[in-house]
Amino acid sequence: MANKVHVKKGDIVMVISGKDAGTKGKVLSVMPKEKRVIVEKVNVIKRHTKPTKDIPQGGIIEKPAPIASSNVMMYCSKCKAPVRIKKQQLSDGSYIRVCSKCGDKFN
């Protein structure tokens, strides 16, 4: 059975613990098996690379590394705060994610 992660690719999240606590960013990818996410401009590492076809000059490249999904929370633009989410059932039986504080919908 696959592990579930509470965020999806493209969500805006806030980091709540670690060296980047308080930073907002967009989720670039989700790794459910490892329970980790990659967030834009968070946990940036420097990678020394040799010249390749894609990167002809090589050098030091900065890229975001994965962080634990438990260290991020969804960010509600209406509440202006990190919030928990809950699922709300629609009349047709499908579910949507909503803010637990204000009821605003997440896409």
N, C-alpha and C. Protein backbone atom coordinates (compact mmCIF):
# COMPACT_ATOMS: atom_id res chain seq x y z
N MET A 1 0.84 -1.18 0.00
CA MET A 1 0.00 0.00 0.00
C MET A 1 0.88 1.24 0.00
N ALA A 2 0.54 2.20 -0.84
CA ALA A 2 1.35 3.42 -0.98
C ALA A 2 1.14 4.35 0.22
N ASN A 3 2.21 5.02 0.61
CA ASN A 3 2.11 6.01 1.68
C ASN A 3 1.44 7.26 1.15
N LYS A 4 0.67 7.92 2.00
CA LYS A 4 -0.02 9.15 1.60
C LYS A 4 0.72 10.35 2.14
N VAL A 5 0.74 11.40 1.36
CA VAL A 5 1.34 12.67 1.77
C VAL A 5 0.24 13.72 1.65
N HIS A 6 0.17 14.63 2.62
CA HIS A 6 -0.94 15.58 2.68
C HIS A 6 -0.84 16.74 1.70
N VAL A 7 0.26 16.84 0.94
CA VAL A 7 0.41 17.91 -0.04
C VAL A 7 0.56 17.32 -1.43
N LYS A 8 0.29 18.15 -2.44
CA LYS A 8 0.41 17.73 -3.83
C LYS A 8 1.37 18.67 -4.56
N LYS A 9 1.82 18.24 -5.72
CA LYS A 9 2.68 19.07 -6.54
C LYS A 9 1.93 20.34 -6.93
N GLY A 10 2.58 21.50 -6.76
CA GLY A 10 1.97 22.78 -7.11
C GLY A 10 1.35 23.50 -5.93
N ASP A 11 1.20 22.84 -4.78
CA ASP A 11 0.65 23.48 -3.58
C ASP A 11 1.63 24.51 -3.03
N ILE A 12 1.08 25.55 -2.40
CA ILE A 12 1.90 26.53 -1.69
C ILE A 12 1.94 26.08 -0.23
N VAL A 13 3.15 25.88 0.29
CA VAL A 13 3.31 25.40 1.66
C VAL A 13 4.25 26.32 2.44
N MET A 14 4.20 26.19 3.77
CA MET A 14 5.12 26.89 4.64
C MET A 14 5.89 25.86 5.45
N VAL A 15 7.22 26.06 5.53
CA VAL A 15 8.07 25.16 6.30
C VAL A 15 7.90 25.54 7.77
N ILE A 16 7.59 24.54 8.63
CA ILE A 16 7.32 24.83 10.05
C ILE A 16 8.44 24.43 10.98
N SER A 17 9.44 23.68 10.47
CA SER A 17 10.56 23.33 11.33
C SER A 17 11.82 23.15 10.51
N GLY A 18 12.97 23.27 11.18
CA GLY A 18 14.25 23.13 10.50
C GLY A 18 14.88 24.47 10.23
N LYS A 19 15.96 24.47 9.46
CA LYS A 19 16.71 25.71 9.22
C LYS A 19 15.94 26.71 8.35
N ASP A 20 14.99 26.25 7.57
CA ASP A 20 14.21 27.13 6.70
C ASP A 20 12.81 27.40 7.24
N ALA A 21 12.62 27.28 8.55
CA ALA A 21 11.29 27.48 9.16
C ALA A 21 10.78 28.88 8.85
N GLY A 22 9.50 28.96 8.49
CA GLY A 22 8.88 30.24 8.17
C GLY A 22 8.94 30.61 6.71
N THR A 23 9.57 29.78 5.89
CA THR A 23 9.70 30.04 4.46
C THR A 23 8.52 29.46 3.69
N LYS A 24 7.94 30.26 2.79
CA LYS A 24 6.87 29.79 1.92
C LYS A 24 7.46 29.36 0.59
N GLY A 25 6.85 28.38 -0.05
CA GLY A 25 7.32 27.95 -1.36
C GLY A 25 6.34 27.01 -2.02
N LYS A 26 6.59 26.77 -3.29
CA LYS A 26 5.74 25.90 -4.09
C LYS A 26 6.33 24.49 -4.08
N VAL A 27 5.49 23.48 -3.97
CA VAL A 27 5.94 22.09 -3.98
C VAL A 27 6.28 21.72 -5.43
N LEU A 28 7.56 21.35 -5.65
CA LEU A 28 8.01 20.99 -6.98
C LEU A 28 7.79 19.51 -7.27
N SER A 29 7.98 18.66 -6.26
CA SER A 29 7.71 17.23 -6.43
C SER A 29 7.45 16.58 -5.08
N VAL A 30 6.76 15.45 -5.14
CA VAL A 30 6.38 14.70 -3.94
C VAL A 30 6.90 13.27 -4.09
N MET A 31 7.52 12.75 -3.02
CA MET A 31 8.02 11.37 -3.02
C MET A 31 7.30 10.61 -1.91
N PRO A 32 6.13 10.02 -2.20
CA PRO A 32 5.33 9.39 -1.16
C PRO A 32 6.01 8.21 -0.47
N LYS A 33 6.81 7.43 -1.18
CA LYS A 33 7.47 6.28 -0.56
C LYS A 33 8.44 6.71 0.53
N GLU A 34 9.15 7.81 0.27
CA GLU A 34 10.12 8.32 1.25
C GLU A 34 9.49 9.32 2.21
N LYS A 35 8.24 9.70 1.98
CA LYS A 35 7.52 10.72 2.77
C LYS A 35 8.29 12.04 2.77
N ARG A 36 8.74 12.45 1.57
CA ARG A 36 9.52 13.67 1.44
C ARG A 36 8.96 14.52 0.30
N VAL A 37 9.23 15.82 0.36
CA VAL A 37 8.81 16.75 -0.68
C VAL A 37 9.97 17.67 -1.04
N ILE A 38 9.96 18.16 -2.27
CA ILE A 38 10.93 19.17 -2.69
C ILE A 38 10.16 20.47 -2.84
N VAL A 39 10.61 21.50 -2.09
CA VAL A 39 9.95 22.79 -2.09
C VAL A 39 10.90 23.82 -2.70
N GLU A 40 10.34 24.68 -3.54
CA GLU A 40 11.11 25.72 -4.23
C GLU A 40 11.82 26.64 -3.24
N LYS A 41 13.12 26.86 -3.42
CA LYS A 41 13.96 27.76 -2.61
C LYS A 41 14.06 27.36 -1.14
N VAL A 42 13.89 26.06 -0.85
CA VAL A 42 14.02 25.57 0.52
C VAL A 42 15.02 24.41 0.51
N ASN A 43 15.89 24.36 1.53
CA ASN A 43 16.92 23.33 1.66
C ASN A 43 17.79 23.26 0.41
N VAL A 44 18.31 24.41 -0.01
CA VAL A 44 19.12 24.50 -1.22
C VAL A 44 20.52 23.97 -0.94
N ILE A 45 20.99 23.06 -1.81
CA ILE A 45 22.33 22.49 -1.67
C ILE A 45 23.16 22.91 -2.88
N LYS A 46 24.47 22.87 -2.71
CA LYS A 46 25.39 23.17 -3.81
C LYS A 46 25.95 21.85 -4.32
N ARG A 47 25.90 21.67 -5.61
CA ARG A 47 26.33 20.43 -6.24
C ARG A 47 27.47 20.75 -7.21
N HIS A 48 28.62 20.12 -7.04
CA HIS A 48 29.75 20.31 -7.94
C HIS A 48 29.60 19.32 -9.10
N THR A 49 29.49 19.84 -10.32
CA THR A 49 29.23 18.97 -11.46
C THR A 49 30.33 19.10 -12.51
N LYS A 50 30.60 18.00 -13.18
CA LYS A 50 31.53 18.01 -14.31
C LYS A 50 30.81 18.54 -15.54
N PRO A 51 31.53 19.05 -16.50
CA PRO A 51 30.88 19.48 -17.75
C PRO A 51 30.22 18.29 -18.45
N THR A 52 28.99 18.49 -18.89
CA THR A 52 28.25 17.47 -19.64
C THR A 52 27.65 18.10 -20.88
N LYS A 53 26.90 17.32 -21.60
CA LYS A 53 26.23 17.84 -22.79
C LYS A 53 25.21 18.92 -22.40
N ASP A 54 24.46 18.66 -21.32
CA ASP A 54 23.44 19.60 -20.86
C ASP A 54 24.05 20.85 -20.22
N ILE A 55 25.13 20.66 -19.43
CA ILE A 55 25.79 21.76 -18.73
C ILE A 55 27.24 21.82 -19.22
N PRO A 56 27.50 22.51 -20.35
CA PRO A 56 28.84 22.46 -20.93
C PRO A 56 29.94 23.07 -20.06
N GLN A 57 29.62 24.06 -19.23
CA GLN A 57 30.66 24.69 -18.42
C GLN A 57 30.88 23.97 -17.10
N GLY A 58 29.94 23.13 -16.64
CA GLY A 58 30.08 22.45 -15.35
C GLY A 58 30.02 23.47 -14.22
N GLY A 59 30.67 23.19 -13.10
CA GLY A 59 30.74 24.15 -12.01
C GLY A 59 29.82 23.79 -10.86
N ILE A 60 29.56 24.80 -10.03
CA ILE A 60 28.74 24.62 -8.83
C ILE A 60 27.30 25.02 -9.14
N ILE A 61 26.39 24.09 -8.94
CA ILE A 61 24.97 24.32 -9.23
C ILE A 61 24.19 24.22 -7.94
N GLU A 62 23.28 25.17 -7.71
CA GLU A 62 22.42 25.14 -6.53
C GLU A 62 21.08 24.54 -6.91
N LYS A 63 20.60 23.61 -6.07
CA LYS A 63 19.30 23.01 -6.34
C LYS A 63 18.64 22.63 -5.01
N PRO A 64 17.30 22.63 -4.97
CA PRO A 64 16.61 22.26 -3.73
C PRO A 64 16.68 20.76 -3.48
N ALA A 65 16.88 20.39 -2.22
CA ALA A 65 16.93 18.99 -1.81
C ALA A 65 15.62 18.65 -1.09
N PRO A 66 15.28 17.36 -0.98
CA PRO A 66 14.03 16.97 -0.32
C PRO A 66 14.05 17.24 1.18
N ILE A 67 12.86 17.55 1.73
CA ILE A 67 12.68 17.66 3.18
C ILE A 67 11.51 16.77 3.57
N ALA A 68 11.41 16.45 4.84
CA ALA A 68 10.33 15.58 5.33
C ALA A 68 8.99 16.28 5.15
N SER A 69 7.99 15.54 4.72
CA SER A 69 6.67 16.13 4.48
C SER A 69 6.02 16.58 5.79
N SER A 70 6.46 16.02 6.92
CA SER A 70 5.91 16.43 8.21
C SER A 70 6.40 17.83 8.62
N ASN A 71 7.41 18.36 7.93
CA ASN A 71 7.94 19.68 8.25
C ASN A 71 7.28 20.79 7.45
N VAL A 72 6.25 20.48 6.66
CA VAL A 72 5.55 21.51 5.89
C VAL A 72 4.05 21.46 6.18
N MET A 73 3.42 22.63 6.09
CA MET A 73 1.96 22.73 6.22
C MET A 73 1.43 23.54 5.05
N MET A 74 0.20 23.25 4.66
CA MET A 74 -0.44 24.03 3.60
C MET A 74 -0.55 25.48 4.05
N TYR A 75 -0.40 26.42 3.09
CA TYR A 75 -0.49 27.85 3.40
C TYR A 75 -1.78 28.38 2.79
N CYS A 76 -2.63 28.96 3.63
CA CYS A 76 -3.91 29.53 3.18
C CYS A 76 -3.69 31.00 2.87
N SER A 77 -3.97 31.41 1.65
CA SER A 77 -3.77 32.80 1.26
C SER A 77 -4.82 33.72 1.88
N LYS A 78 -5.97 33.16 2.25
CA LYS A 78 -7.02 33.96 2.89
C LYS A 78 -6.71 34.20 4.37
N CYS A 79 -6.26 33.16 5.08
CA CYS A 79 -5.91 33.27 6.51
C CYS A 79 -4.53 33.89 6.71
N LYS A 80 -3.69 33.84 5.66
CA LYS A 80 -2.30 34.30 5.73
C LYS A 80 -1.52 33.54 6.81
N ALA A 81 -1.74 32.23 6.88
CA ALA A 81 -1.10 31.40 7.89
C ALA A 81 -1.04 29.95 7.42
N PRO A 82 -0.12 29.16 8.01
CA PRO A 82 -0.13 27.73 7.71
C PRO A 82 -1.32 27.07 8.41
N VAL A 83 -2.01 26.20 7.69
CA VAL A 83 -3.24 25.60 8.23
C VAL A 83 -3.27 24.10 7.95
N ARG A 84 -4.09 23.41 8.73
CA ARG A 84 -4.41 22.03 8.44
C ARG A 84 -5.50 22.02 7.38
N ILE A 85 -5.62 20.90 6.70
CA ILE A 85 -6.67 20.79 5.69
C ILE A 85 -7.64 19.68 6.08
N LYS A 86 -8.86 19.83 5.60
CA LYS A 86 -9.82 18.75 5.78
C LYS A 86 -10.52 18.52 4.46
N LYS A 87 -11.09 17.34 4.32
CA LYS A 87 -11.78 16.99 3.09
C LYS A 87 -13.27 17.20 3.27
N GLN A 88 -13.87 17.81 2.25
CA GLN A 88 -15.30 18.09 2.29
C GLN A 88 -15.94 17.36 1.12
N GLN A 89 -17.00 16.63 1.39
CA GLN A 89 -17.66 15.86 0.34
C GLN A 89 -18.67 16.73 -0.39
N LEU A 90 -18.62 16.66 -1.71
CA LEU A 90 -19.57 17.39 -2.54
C LEU A 90 -20.81 16.53 -2.78
N SER A 91 -21.84 17.12 -3.37
CA SER A 91 -23.10 16.41 -3.60
C SER A 91 -22.94 15.23 -4.56
N ASP A 92 -21.96 15.30 -5.47
CA ASP A 92 -21.76 14.20 -6.41
C ASP A 92 -20.90 13.07 -5.84
N GLY A 93 -20.46 13.21 -4.58
CA GLY A 93 -19.69 12.16 -3.93
C GLY A 93 -18.18 12.37 -3.95
N SER A 94 -17.71 13.35 -4.72
CA SER A 94 -16.27 13.61 -4.76
C SER A 94 -15.86 14.49 -3.58
N TYR A 95 -14.56 14.55 -3.33
CA TYR A 95 -14.04 15.32 -2.21
C TYR A 95 -13.17 16.46 -2.69
N ILE A 96 -13.17 17.56 -1.92
CA ILE A 96 -12.25 18.67 -2.17
C ILE A 96 -11.52 18.98 -0.87
N ARG A 97 -10.34 19.58 -0.98
CA ARG A 97 -9.57 19.96 0.21
C ARG A 97 -9.91 21.40 0.57
N VAL A 98 -10.21 21.64 1.84
CA VAL A 98 -10.56 22.98 2.31
C VAL A 98 -9.74 23.33 3.55
N CYS A 99 -9.60 24.63 3.79
CA CYS A 99 -8.90 25.14 4.97
C CYS A 99 -9.75 24.84 6.19
N SER A 100 -9.12 24.35 7.26
CA SER A 100 -9.88 24.01 8.47
C SER A 100 -10.28 25.24 9.25
N LYS A 101 -9.62 26.40 9.01
CA LYS A 101 -9.97 27.63 9.75
C LYS A 101 -11.09 28.42 9.05
N CYS A 102 -10.89 28.71 7.75
CA CYS A 102 -11.84 29.60 7.07
C CYS A 102 -12.73 28.91 6.04
N GLY A 103 -12.42 27.68 5.68
CA GLY A 103 -13.23 26.95 4.71
C GLY A 103 -12.89 27.25 3.27
N ASP A 104 -11.81 28.00 3.01
CA ASP A 104 -11.39 28.34 1.66
C ASP A 104 -10.93 27.08 0.94
N LYS A 105 -11.22 26.96 -0.36
CA LYS A 105 -10.89 25.76 -1.12
C LYS A 105 -9.45 25.82 -1.63
N PHE A 106 -8.80 24.66 -1.66
CA PHE A 106 -7.50 24.51 -2.30
C PHE A 106 -7.73 23.79 -3.61
N ASN A 107 -6.98 24.14 -4.64
CA ASN A 107 -7.19 23.49 -5.95
C ASN A 107 -6.55 22.15 -6.00
